[in-house]
Amino acid sequence: ASGSISSIAVMGWYRQAPEKQRELVAIIPSGGLADVA
């Protein structure tokens, strides 16, 4: 990520398969525990 990024920004990954809705794969806060599908 580039630009002005907060120290508490949450980053993650989503995915979208053909003909399906976008879904959460995993997220990770800046200092917390990750959450994985």
PDB file of all heavy atoms in Angstrom:
ATOM      1  N   ALA A   1       0.843  -1.187   0.000  1.00  0.00           N
ATOM      2  CA  ALA A   1       0.000   0.000   0.000  1.00  0.00           C
ATOM      3  C   ALA A   1       0.874   1.231   0.000  1.00  0.00           C
ATOM      4  O   ALA A   1       1.898   1.286   0.686  1.00  0.00           O
ATOM      5  CB  ALA A   1      -0.912  -0.002   1.222  1.00  0.00           C
ATOM      6  N   SER A   2       0.473   2.221  -0.767  1.00  0.00           N
ATOM      7  CA  SER A   2       1.192   3.486  -0.790  1.00  0.00           C
ATOM      8  C   SER A   2       0.223   4.607  -0.466  1.00  0.00           C
ATOM      9  O   SER A   2      -0.977   4.508  -0.717  1.00  0.00           O
ATOM     10  CB  SER A   2       1.837   3.719  -2.156  1.00  0.00           C
ATOM     11  OG  SER A   2       0.850   3.741  -3.172  1.00  0.00           O
ATOM     12  N   GLY A   3       0.764   5.693   0.085  1.00  0.00           N
ATOM     13  CA  GLY A   3      -0.069   6.810   0.492  1.00  0.00           C
ATOM     14  C   GLY A   3      -0.058   6.960   1.998  1.00  0.00           C
ATOM     15  O   GLY A   3       0.800   6.418   2.688  1.00  0.00           O
ATOM     16  N   SER A   4      -1.023   7.673   2.512  1.00  0.00           N
ATOM     17  CA  SER A   4      -1.125   7.902   3.952  1.00  0.00           C
ATOM     18  C   SER A   4      -1.870   6.735   4.596  1.00  0.00           C
ATOM     19  O   SER A   4      -3.089   6.614   4.481  1.00  0.00           O
ATOM     20  CB  SER A   4      -1.864   9.215   4.223  1.00  0.00           C
ATOM     21  OG  SER A   4      -2.006   9.421   5.610  1.00  0.00           O
ATOM     22  N   ILE A   5      -1.124   5.885   5.267  1.00  0.00           N
ATOM     23  CA  ILE A   5      -1.687   4.673   5.853  1.00  0.00           C
ATOM     24  C   ILE A   5      -1.696   4.796   7.370  1.00  0.00           C
ATOM     25  O   ILE A   5      -0.682   5.055   7.994  1.00  0.00           O
ATOM     26  CB  ILE A   5      -0.873   3.422   5.448  1.00  0.00           C
ATOM     27  CG1 ILE A   5      -0.696   3.375   3.934  1.00  0.00           C
ATOM     28  CG2 ILE A   5      -1.551   2.159   5.967  1.00  0.00           C
ATOM     29  CD1 ILE A   5      -1.972   3.290   3.137  1.00  0.00           C
ATOM     30  N   SER A   6      -2.874   4.571   7.933  1.00  0.00           N
ATOM     31  CA  SER A   6      -3.021   4.630   9.375  1.00  0.00           C
ATOM     32  C   SER A   6      -2.273   3.486  10.056  1.00  0.00           C
ATOM     33  O   SER A   6      -2.158   2.394   9.495  1.00  0.00           O
ATOM     34  CB  SER A   6      -4.502   4.545   9.746  1.00  0.00           C
ATOM     35  OG  SER A   6      -4.672   4.277  11.119  1.00  0.00           O
ATOM     36  N   SER A   7      -1.813   3.735  11.257  1.00  0.00           N
ATOM     37  CA  SER A   7      -1.122   2.681  12.003  1.00  0.00           C
ATOM     38  C   SER A   7      -2.073   1.582  12.434  1.00  0.00           C
ATOM     39  O   SER A   7      -1.645   0.494  12.824  1.00  0.00           O
ATOM     40  CB  SER A   7      -0.437   3.281  13.237  1.00  0.00           C
ATOM     41  OG  SER A   7      -1.407   3.852  14.106  1.00  0.00           O
ATOM     42  N   ILE A   8      -3.380   1.844  12.374  1.00  0.00           N
ATOM     43  CA  ILE A   8      -4.349   0.825  12.771  1.00  0.00           C
ATOM     44  C   ILE A   8      -5.151   0.314  11.577  1.00  0.00           C
ATOM     45  O   ILE A   8      -6.198  -0.288  11.731  1.00  0.00           O
ATOM     46  CB  ILE A   8      -5.311   1.349  13.860  1.00  0.00           C
ATOM     47  CG1 ILE A   8      -6.078   2.579  13.361  1.00  0.00           C
ATOM     48  CG2 ILE A   8      -4.547   1.666  15.136  1.00  0.00           C
ATOM     49  CD1 ILE A   8      -7.187   3.009  14.308  1.00  0.00           C
ATOM     50  N   ALA A   9      -4.625   0.538  10.394  1.00  0.00           N
ATOM     51  CA  ALA A   9      -5.308   0.049   9.189  1.00  0.00           C
ATOM     52  C   ALA A   9      -5.379  -1.476   9.197  1.00  0.00           C
ATOM     53  O   ALA A   9      -4.461  -2.151   9.672  1.00  0.00           O
ATOM     54  CB  ALA A   9      -4.587   0.538   7.945  1.00  0.00           C
ATOM     55  N   VAL A  10      -6.462  -1.986   8.671  1.00  0.00           N
ATOM     56  CA  VAL A  10      -6.635  -3.433   8.544  1.00  0.00           C
ATOM     57  C   VAL A  10      -6.375  -3.817   7.095  1.00  0.00           C
ATOM     58  O   VAL A  10      -6.901  -3.188   6.176  1.00  0.00           O
ATOM     59  CB  VAL A  10      -8.061  -3.855   8.953  1.00  0.00           C
ATOM     60  CG1 VAL A  10      -8.238  -5.366   8.778  1.00  0.00           C
ATOM     61  CG2 VAL A  10      -8.332  -3.467  10.401  1.00  0.00           C
ATOM     62  N   MET A  11      -5.580  -4.838   6.899  1.00  0.00           N
ATOM     63  CA  MET A  11      -5.271  -5.302   5.545  1.00  0.00           C
ATOM     64  C   MET A  11      -5.764  -6.736   5.387  1.00  0.00           C
ATOM     65  O   MET A  11      -5.870  -7.481   6.372  1.00  0.00           O
ATOM     66  CB  MET A  11      -3.769  -5.230   5.276  1.00  0.00           C
ATOM     67  CG  MET A  11      -3.202  -3.834   5.435  1.00  0.00           C
ATOM     68  SD  MET A  11      -1.477  -3.696   4.918  1.00  0.00           S
ATOM     69  CE  MET A  11      -1.686  -3.594   3.125  1.00  0.00           C
ATOM     70  N   GLY A  12      -6.048  -7.097   4.161  1.00  0.00           N
ATOM     71  CA  GLY A  12      -6.552  -8.452   3.969  1.00  0.00           C
ATOM     72  C   GLY A  12      -6.606  -8.847   2.516  1.00  0.00           C
ATOM     73  O   GLY A  12      -6.184  -8.102   1.625  1.00  0.00           O
ATOM     74  N   TRP A  13      -7.128 -10.051   2.319  1.00  0.00           N
ATOM     75  CA  TRP A  13      -7.288 -10.622   0.992  1.00  0.00           C
ATOM     76  C   TRP A  13      -8.708 -11.163   0.835  1.00  0.00           C
ATOM     77  O   TRP A  13      -9.246 -11.798   1.750  1.00  0.00           O
ATOM     78  CB  TRP A  13      -6.301 -11.772   0.776  1.00  0.00           C
ATOM     79  CG  TRP A  13      -4.883 -11.332   0.719  1.00  0.00           C
ATOM     80  CD1 TRP A  13      -3.986 -11.287   1.748  1.00  0.00           C
ATOM     81  CD2 TRP A  13      -4.182 -10.863  -0.440  1.00  0.00           C
ATOM     82  NE1 TRP A  13      -2.789 -10.824   1.308  1.00  0.00           N
ATOM     83  CE2 TRP A  13      -2.868 -10.549  -0.046  1.00  0.00           C
ATOM     84  CE3 TRP A  13      -4.530 -10.687  -1.779  1.00  0.00           C
ATOM     85  CZ2 TRP A  13      -1.908 -10.068  -0.923  1.00  0.00           C
ATOM     86  CZ3 TRP A  13      -3.577 -10.209  -2.649  1.00  0.00           C
ATOM     87  CH2 TRP A  13      -2.288  -9.907  -2.219  1.00  0.00           C
ATOM     88  N   TYR A  14      -9.271 -10.881  -0.327  1.00  0.00           N
ATOM     89  CA  TYR A  14     -10.547 -11.456  -0.721  1.00  0.00           C
ATOM     90  C   TYR A  14     -10.333 -12.183  -2.041  1.00  0.00           C
ATOM     91  O   TYR A  14      -9.312 -11.985  -2.708  1.00  0.00           O
ATOM     92  CB  TYR A  14     -11.601 -10.356  -0.917  1.00  0.00           C
ATOM     93  CG  TYR A  14     -12.095  -9.726   0.361  1.00  0.00           C
ATOM     94  CD1 TYR A  14     -11.263  -8.917   1.130  1.00  0.00           C
ATOM     95  CD2 TYR A  14     -13.397  -9.933   0.796  1.00  0.00           C
ATOM     96  CE1 TYR A  14     -11.721  -8.332   2.305  1.00  0.00           C
ATOM     97  CE2 TYR A  14     -13.871  -9.342   1.961  1.00  0.00           C
ATOM     98  CZ  TYR A  14     -13.029  -8.547   2.705  1.00  0.00           C
ATOM     99  OH  TYR A  14     -13.496  -7.970   3.867  1.00  0.00           O
ATOM    100  N   ARG A  15     -11.297 -12.990  -2.422  1.00  0.00           N
ATOM    101  CA  ARG A  15     -11.207 -13.652  -3.717  1.00  0.00           C
ATOM    102  C   ARG A  15     -12.590 -13.763  -4.350  1.00  0.00           C
ATOM    103  O   ARG A  15     -13.595 -13.767  -3.650  1.00  0.00           O
ATOM    104  CB  ARG A  15     -10.561 -15.025  -3.597  1.00  0.00           C
ATOM    105  CG  ARG A  15     -11.397 -16.062  -2.858  1.00  0.00           C
ATOM    106  CD  ARG A  15     -10.616 -17.366  -2.690  1.00  0.00           C
ATOM    107  NE  ARG A  15     -11.391 -18.395  -2.007  1.00  0.00           N
ATOM    108  CZ  ARG A  15     -10.901 -19.582  -1.651  1.00  0.00           C
ATOM    109  NH1 ARG A  15      -9.619 -19.892  -1.927  1.00  0.00           N
ATOM    110  NH2 ARG A  15     -11.677 -20.468  -1.035  1.00  0.00           N
ATOM    111  N   GLN A  16     -12.587 -13.865  -5.660  1.00  0.00           N
ATOM    112  CA  GLN A  16     -13.834 -14.013  -6.381  1.00  0.00           C
ATOM    113  C   GLN A  16     -13.643 -15.029  -7.502  1.00  0.00           C
ATOM    114  O   GLN A  16     -12.853 -14.801  -8.420  1.00  0.00           O
ATOM    115  CB  GLN A  16     -14.307 -12.677  -6.952  1.00  0.00           C
ATOM    116  CG  GLN A  16     -15.679 -12.731  -7.575  1.00  0.00           C
ATOM    117  CD  GLN A  16     -16.256 -11.358  -7.830  1.00  0.00           C
ATOM    118  OE1 GLN A  16     -15.549 -10.357  -7.827  1.00  0.00           O
ATOM    119  NE2 GLN A  16     -17.563 -11.291  -8.027  1.00  0.00           N
ATOM    120  N   ALA A  17     -14.367 -16.115  -7.385  1.00  0.00           N
ATOM    121  CA  ALA A  17     -14.345 -17.147  -8.416  1.00  0.00           C
ATOM    122  C   ALA A  17     -15.403 -16.815  -9.466  1.00  0.00           C
ATOM    123  O   ALA A  17     -16.341 -16.049  -9.188  1.00  0.00           O
ATOM    124  CB  ALA A  17     -14.617 -18.511  -7.794  1.00  0.00           C
ATOM    125  N   PRO A  18     -15.279 -17.380 -10.657  1.00  0.00           N
ATOM    126  CA  PRO A  18     -16.267 -17.108 -11.707  1.00  0.00           C
ATOM    127  C   PRO A  18     -17.688 -17.407 -11.240  1.00  0.00           C
ATOM    128  O   PRO A  18     -17.939 -18.445 -10.638  1.00  0.00           O
ATOM    129  CB  PRO A  18     -15.846 -18.055 -12.832  1.00  0.00           C
ATOM    130  CG  PRO A  18     -14.386 -18.256 -12.623  1.00  0.00           C
ATOM    131  CD  PRO A  18     -14.192 -18.257 -11.135  1.00  0.00           C
ATOM    132  N   GLU A  19     -18.565 -16.461 -11.479  1.00  0.00           N
ATOM    133  CA  GLU A  19     -19.985 -16.588 -11.166  1.00  0.00           C
ATOM    134  C   GLU A  19     -20.261 -16.741  -9.677  1.00  0.00           C
ATOM    135  O   GLU A  19     -21.328 -17.215  -9.274  1.00  0.00           O
ATOM    136  CB  GLU A  19     -20.604 -17.756 -11.946  1.00  0.00           C
ATOM    137  CG  GLU A  19     -20.484 -17.607 -13.444  1.00  0.00           C
ATOM    138  CD  GLU A  19     -21.128 -18.748 -14.198  1.00  0.00           C
ATOM    139  OE1 GLU A  19     -21.632 -19.681 -13.553  1.00  0.00           O
ATOM    140  OE2 GLU A  19     -21.135 -18.711 -15.430  1.00  0.00           O
ATOM    141  N   LYS A  20     -19.322 -16.319  -8.859  1.00  0.00           N
ATOM    142  CA  LYS A  20     -19.522 -16.342  -7.413  1.00  0.00           C
ATOM    143  C   LYS A  20     -19.272 -14.963  -6.831  1.00  0.00           C
ATOM    144  O   LYS A  20     -18.616 -14.125  -7.456  1.00  0.00           O
ATOM    145  CB  LYS A  20     -18.603 -17.369  -6.747  1.00  0.00           C
ATOM    146  CG  LYS A  20     -18.949 -18.808  -7.075  1.00  0.00           C
ATOM    147  CD  LYS A  20     -18.137 -19.771  -6.232  1.00  0.00           C
ATOM    148  CE  LYS A  20     -18.539 -21.211  -6.486  1.00  0.00           C
ATOM    149  NZ  LYS A  20     -17.753 -22.158  -5.648  1.00  0.00           N
ATOM    150  N   GLN A  21     -19.785 -14.748  -5.637  1.00  0.00           N
ATOM    151  CA  GLN A  21     -19.560 -13.473  -4.974  1.00  0.00           C
ATOM    152  C   GLN A  21     -18.157 -13.396  -4.400  1.00  0.00           C
ATOM    153  O   GLN A  21     -17.531 -14.416  -4.091  1.00  0.00           O
ATOM    154  CB  GLN A  21     -20.596 -13.284  -3.855  1.00  0.00           C
ATOM    155  CG  GLN A  21     -22.016 -13.069  -4.351  1.00  0.00           C
ATOM    156  CD  GLN A  21     -22.965 -12.704  -3.231  1.00  0.00           C
ATOM    157  OE1 GLN A  21     -22.756 -13.083  -2.078  1.00  0.00           O
ATOM    158  NE2 GLN A  21     -24.005 -11.961  -3.544  1.00  0.00           N
ATOM    159  N   ARG A  22     -17.690 -12.192  -4.253  1.00  0.00           N
ATOM    160  CA  ARG A  22     -16.390 -11.990  -3.619  1.00  0.00           C
ATOM    161  C   ARG A  22     -16.484 -12.430  -2.156  1.00  0.00           C
ATOM    162  O   ARG A  22     -17.455 -12.108  -1.475  1.00  0.00           O
ATOM    163  CB  ARG A  22     -15.978 -10.525  -3.708  1.00  0.00           C
ATOM    164  CG  ARG A  22     -14.540 -10.255  -3.331  1.00  0.00           C
ATOM    165  CD  ARG A  22     -14.139  -8.836  -3.642  1.00  0.00           C
ATOM    166  NE  ARG A  22     -14.206  -8.547  -5.080  1.00  0.00           N
ATOM    167  CZ  ARG A  22     -13.751  -7.418  -5.615  1.00  0.00           C
ATOM    168  NH1 ARG A  22     -13.210  -6.478  -4.848  1.00  0.00           N
ATOM    169  NH2 ARG A  22     -13.864  -7.224  -6.914  1.00  0.00           N
ATOM    170  N   GLU A  23     -15.466 -13.125  -1.696  1.00  0.00           N
ATOM    171  CA  GLU A  23     -15.482 -13.630  -0.331  1.00  0.00           C
ATOM    172  C   GLU A  23     -14.178 -13.318   0.382  1.00  0.00           C
ATOM    173  O   GLU A  23     -13.115 -13.222  -0.232  1.00  0.00           O
ATOM    174  CB  GLU A  23     -15.716 -15.152  -0.322  1.00  0.00           C
ATOM    175  CG  GLU A  23     -14.625 -15.972  -0.987  1.00  0.00           C
ATOM    176  CD  GLU A  23     -14.847 -17.463  -0.871  1.00  0.00           C
ATOM    177  OE1 GLU A  23     -15.870 -17.889  -0.298  1.00  0.00           O
ATOM    178  OE2 GLU A  23     -13.979 -18.227  -1.342  1.00  0.00           O
ATOM    179  N   LEU A  24     -14.290 -13.208   1.685  1.00  0.00           N
ATOM    180  CA  LEU A  24     -13.121 -12.943   2.510  1.00  0.00           C
ATOM    181  C   LEU A  24     -12.246 -14.194   2.574  1.00  0.00           C
ATOM    182  O   LEU A  24     -12.732 -15.297   2.776  1.00  0.00           O
ATOM    183  CB  LEU A  24     -13.560 -12.556   3.915  1.00  0.00           C
ATOM    184  CG  LEU A  24     -12.461 -12.441   4.958  1.00  0.00           C
ATOM    185  CD1 LEU A  24     -11.576 -11.248   4.663  1.00  0.00           C
ATOM    186  CD2 LEU A  24     -13.061 -12.335   6.351  1.00  0.00           C
ATOM    187  N   VAL A  25     -10.945 -13.978   2.412  1.00  0.00           N
ATOM    188  CA  VAL A  25      -9.983 -15.066   2.592  1.00  0.00           C
ATOM    189  C   VAL A  25      -9.297 -14.922   3.946  1.00  0.00           C
ATOM    190  O   VAL A  25      -9.257 -15.854   4.745  1.00  0.00           O
ATOM    191  CB  VAL A  25      -8.935 -15.076   1.466  1.00  0.00           C
ATOM    192  CG1 VAL A  25      -7.911 -16.186   1.706  1.00  0.00           C
ATOM    193  CG2 VAL A  25      -9.602 -15.258   0.108  1.00  0.00           C
ATOM    194  N   ALA A  26      -8.763 -13.734   4.196  1.00  0.00           N
ATOM    195  CA  ALA A  26      -8.068 -13.510   5.461  1.00  0.00           C
ATOM    196  C   ALA A  26      -7.874 -12.020   5.672  1.00  0.00           C
ATOM    197  O   ALA A  26      -7.709 -11.270   4.715  1.00  0.00           O
ATOM    198  CB  ALA A  26      -6.708 -14.217   5.464  1.00  0.00           C
ATOM    199  N   ILE A  27      -7.907 -11.614   6.923  1.00  0.00           N
ATOM    200  CA  ILE A  27      -7.620 -10.227   7.265  1.00  0.00           C
ATOM    201  C   ILE A  27      -6.671 -10.203   8.448  1.00  0.00           C
ATOM    202  O   ILE A  27      -6.612 -11.165   9.238  1.00  0.00           O
ATOM    203  CB  ILE A  27      -8.891  -9.425   7.608  1.00  0.00           C
ATOM    204  CG1 ILE A  27      -9.648 -10.078   8.765  1.00  0.00           C
ATOM    205  CG2 ILE A  27      -9.764  -9.232   6.391  1.00  0.00           C
ATOM    206  CD1 ILE A  27     -10.788  -9.226   9.286  1.00  0.00           C
ATOM    207  N   ILE A  28      -5.955  -9.092   8.581  1.00  0.00           N
ATOM    208  CA  ILE A  28      -5.010  -8.967   9.675  1.00  0.00           C
ATOM    209  C   ILE A  28      -4.913  -7.512  10.104  1.00  0.00           C
ATOM    210  O   ILE A  28      -4.548  -6.646   9.312  1.00  0.00           O
ATOM    211  CB  ILE A  28      -3.626  -9.551   9.281  1.00  0.00           C
ATOM    212  CG1 ILE A  28      -2.661  -9.499  10.462  1.00  0.00           C
ATOM    213  CG2 ILE A  28      -3.050  -8.857   8.046  1.00  0.00           C
ATOM    214  CD1 ILE A  28      -1.391 -10.320  10.226  1.00  0.00           C
ATOM    215  N   PRO A  29      -5.262  -7.211  11.343  1.00  0.00           N
ATOM    216  CA  PRO A  29      -5.094  -5.844  11.864  1.00  0.00           C
ATOM    217  C   PRO A  29      -3.608  -5.559  12.058  1.00  0.00           C
ATOM    218  O   PRO A  29      -2.787  -6.468  11.988  1.00  0.00           O
ATOM    219  CB  PRO A  29      -5.836  -5.901  13.206  1.00  0.00           C
ATOM    220  CG  PRO A  29      -6.638  -7.143  13.187  1.00  0.00           C
ATOM    221  CD  PRO A  29      -5.915  -8.088  12.301  1.00  0.00           C
ATOM    222  N   SER A  30      -3.289  -4.339  12.347  1.00  0.00           N
ATOM    223  CA  SER A  30      -1.884  -3.968  12.459  1.00  0.00           C
ATOM    224  C   SER A  30      -1.208  -4.646  13.641  1.00  0.00           C
ATOM    225  O   SER A  30      -0.041  -4.973  13.590  1.00  0.00           O
ATOM    226  CB  SER A  30      -1.726  -2.452  12.575  1.00  0.00           C
ATOM    227  OG  SER A  30      -2.371  -1.996  13.752  1.00  0.00           O
ATOM    228  N   GLY A  31      -1.950  -4.869  14.699  1.00  0.00           N
ATOM    229  CA  GLY A  31      -1.310  -5.483  15.858  1.00  0.00           C
ATOM    230  C   GLY A  31      -2.106  -6.591  16.492  1.00  0.00           C
ATOM    231  O   GLY A  31      -1.803  -7.029  17.599  1.00  0.00           O
ATOM    232  N   GLY A  32      -3.124  -7.062  15.786  1.00  0.00           N
ATOM    233  CA  GLY A  32      -3.984  -8.079  16.365  1.00  0.00           C
ATOM    234  C   GLY A  32      -3.856  -9.415  15.688  1.00  0.00           C
ATOM    235  O   GLY A  32      -2.958  -9.650  14.884  1.00  0.00           O
ATOM    236  N   LEU A  33      -4.765 -10.286  16.049  1.00  0.00           N
ATOM    237  CA  LEU A  33      -4.737 -11.631  15.509  1.00  0.00           C
ATOM    238  C   LEU A  33      -5.372 -11.676  14.117  1.00  0.00           C
ATOM    239  O   LEU A  33      -6.363 -11.006  13.857  1.00  0.00           O
ATOM    240  CB  LEU A  33      -5.501 -12.578  16.433  1.00  0.00           C
ATOM    241  CG  LEU A  33      -4.884 -12.807  17.819  1.00  0.00           C
ATOM    242  CD1 LEU A  33      -5.801 -13.674  18.662  1.00  0.00           C
ATOM    243  CD2 LEU A  33      -3.513 -13.442  17.693  1.00  0.00           C
ATOM    244  N   ALA A  34      -4.813 -12.484  13.272  1.00  0.00           N
ATOM    245  CA  ALA A  34      -5.351 -12.659  11.934  1.00  0.00           C
ATOM    246  C   ALA A  34      -6.615 -13.511  11.977  1.00  0.00           C
ATOM    247  O   ALA A  34      -6.808 -14.317  12.891  1.00  0.00           O
ATOM    248  CB  ALA A  34      -4.309 -13.321  11.038  1.00  0.00           C
ATOM    249  N   ASP A  35      -7.466 -13.293  11.006  1.00  0.00           N
ATOM    250  CA  ASP A  35      -8.693 -14.092  10.866  1.00  0.00           C
ATOM    251  C   ASP A  35      -8.678 -14.706   9.478  1.00  0.00           C
ATOM    252  O   ASP A  35      -8.516 -13.988   8.487  1.00  0.00           O
ATOM    253  CB  ASP A  35      -9.926 -13.198  11.050  1.00  0.00           C
ATOM    254  CG  ASP A  35     -11.204 -14.019  11.127  1.00  0.00           C
ATOM    255  OD1 ASP A  35     -11.121 -15.234  11.366  1.00  0.00           O
ATOM    256  OD2 ASP A  35     -12.293 -13.434  10.940  1.00  0.00           O
ATOM    257  N   VAL A  36      -8.821 -16.019   9.422  1.00  0.00           N
ATOM    258  CA  VAL A  36      -8.722 -16.748   8.156  1.00  0.00           C
ATOM    259  C   VAL A  36     -10.013 -17.525   7.924  1.00  0.00           C
ATOM    260  O   VAL A  36     -10.555 -18.108   8.858  1.00  0.00           O
ATOM    261  CB  VAL A  36      -7.520 -17.713   8.192  1.00  0.00           C
ATOM    262  CG1 VAL A  36      -7.402 -18.464   6.881  1.00  0.00           C
ATOM    263  CG2 VAL A  36      -6.238 -16.945   8.471  1.00  0.00           C
ATOM    264  N   ALA A  37     -10.492 -17.518   6.694  1.00  0.00           N
ATOM    265  CA  ALA A  37     -11.723 -18.240   6.367  1.00  0.00           C
ATOM    266  C   ALA A  37     -11.555 -19.733   6.636  1.00  0.00           C
ATOM    267  O   ALA A  37     -10.468 -20.292   6.449  1.00  0.00           O
ATOM    268  CB  ALA A  37     -12.091 -18.008   4.907  1.00  0.00           C
TER     269      ALA A  37
END
